[in-house]
Amino acid sequence: MSELLSVALVCAGTLLAQDCSRDTALDVIVAPAHTPMECLMHAQAMAAQAGLPGGGDRYLKIACEHRRTEIDTGAEVHRAS
């Protein structure tokens, strides 16, 4: 399984780039990637294939993220004997 994700965010033109995230984006496209270079190239290709509109009212932000995994909480499981 790939540890990286290609993420293409479509954000409103009025939103600052540092404020553009999965939570604030108008649309989010995500796909697995195996290397950082593949991640960037794949995100651009996804956006192009999706036919995202250009212009000043929207812009595209591309990011690579590490896939989230289950976090060990350190809680012990006790079983009845």
Protein backbone atom coordinates (compact mmCIF):
# COMPACT_ATOMS: atom_id res chain seq x y z
CA MET A 1 0.00 0.00 0.00
CA SER A 2 1.20 3.47 -0.85
CA GLU A 3 2.12 5.76 2.04
CA LEU A 4 1.56 8.97 0.04
CA LEU A 5 -1.61 10.60 -1.22
CA SER A 6 -1.88 13.05 -4.11
CA VAL A 7 -4.33 15.77 -3.13
CA ALA A 8 -5.76 18.36 -5.54
CA LEU A 9 -7.75 21.11 -3.82
CA VAL A 10 -10.01 23.50 -5.72
CA CYS A 11 -10.26 26.69 -3.67
CA ALA A 12 -12.19 29.92 -4.01
CA GLY A 13 -10.12 32.75 -5.49
CA THR A 14 -10.91 34.86 -2.44
CA LEU A 15 -9.29 32.33 -0.08
CA LEU A 16 -5.62 32.79 0.80
CA ALA A 17 -3.41 29.86 -0.23
CA GLN A 18 -2.37 29.16 3.38
CA ASP A 19 -6.06 28.88 4.32
CA CYS A 20 -6.88 26.43 1.52
CA SER A 21 -7.26 22.96 3.06
CA ARG A 22 -9.44 19.88 2.73
CA ASP A 23 -11.94 21.59 5.06
CA THR A 24 -12.13 24.88 3.14
CA ALA A 25 -11.79 23.64 -0.46
CA LEU A 26 -14.70 23.69 -2.87
CA ASP A 27 -13.65 20.28 -4.18
CA VAL A 28 -11.04 17.68 -3.19
CA ILE A 29 -9.55 14.94 -5.38
CA VAL A 30 -7.38 12.28 -3.70
CA ALA A 31 -5.41 9.33 -5.11
CA PRO A 32 -2.54 7.11 -3.90
CA ALA A 33 1.06 7.77 -5.02
CA HIS A 34 4.30 5.86 -4.48
CA THR A 35 6.92 8.63 -4.66
CA PRO A 36 6.90 12.40 -4.05
CA MET A 37 7.42 13.06 -7.79
CA GLU A 38 4.56 10.73 -8.72
CA CYS A 39 2.45 12.48 -6.09
CA LEU A 40 2.87 15.92 -7.66
CA MET A 41 2.49 14.68 -11.22
CA HIS A 42 -0.55 12.58 -10.38
CA ALA A 43 -2.36 15.44 -8.63
CA GLN A 44 -1.87 17.70 -11.66
CA ALA A 45 -3.10 14.97 -14.00
CA MET A 46 -6.18 14.34 -11.82
CA ALA A 47 -7.06 18.02 -11.89
CA ALA A 48 -6.62 18.22 -15.67
CA GLN A 49 -8.75 15.12 -16.27
CA ALA A 50 -11.47 16.45 -13.99
CA GLY A 51 -11.73 19.58 -16.16
CA LEU A 52 -11.38 22.02 -13.31
CA PRO A 53 -12.29 25.54 -14.36
CA GLY A 54 -9.61 28.18 -14.52
CA GLY A 55 -9.92 31.88 -13.94
CA GLY A 56 -9.74 34.22 -11.00
CA ASP A 57 -12.72 32.82 -9.11
CA ARG A 58 -11.01 29.48 -8.35
CA TYR A 59 -7.49 28.12 -8.14
CA LEU A 60 -5.86 24.75 -7.76
CA LYS A 61 -3.63 23.84 -4.85
CA ILE A 62 -1.68 20.58 -5.08
CA ALA A 63 -0.32 18.79 -2.04
CA CYS A 64 1.19 15.47 -1.06
CA GLU A 65 0.17 13.96 2.24
CA HIS A 66 1.20 10.92 4.21
CA ARG A 67 -1.58 8.38 4.47
CA ARG A 68 -3.06 8.34 7.97
CA THR A 69 -2.88 5.06 9.83
CA GLU A 70 -4.36 3.81 13.05
CA ILE A 71 -2.56 5.26 16.03
CA ASP A 72 -1.72 3.01 18.92
CA THR A 73 -3.38 4.61 21.94
CA GLY A 74 -1.35 2.57 24.37
CA ALA A 75 -4.50 1.23 26.00
CA GLU A 76 -4.21 -2.31 27.25
CA VAL A 77 -6.87 -4.88 26.52
CA HIS A 78 -7.83 -6.97 29.53
CA ARG A 79 -9.43 -10.34 28.95
CA ALA A 80 -11.46 -12.23 31.50
CA SER A 81 -9.99 -15.64 32.35
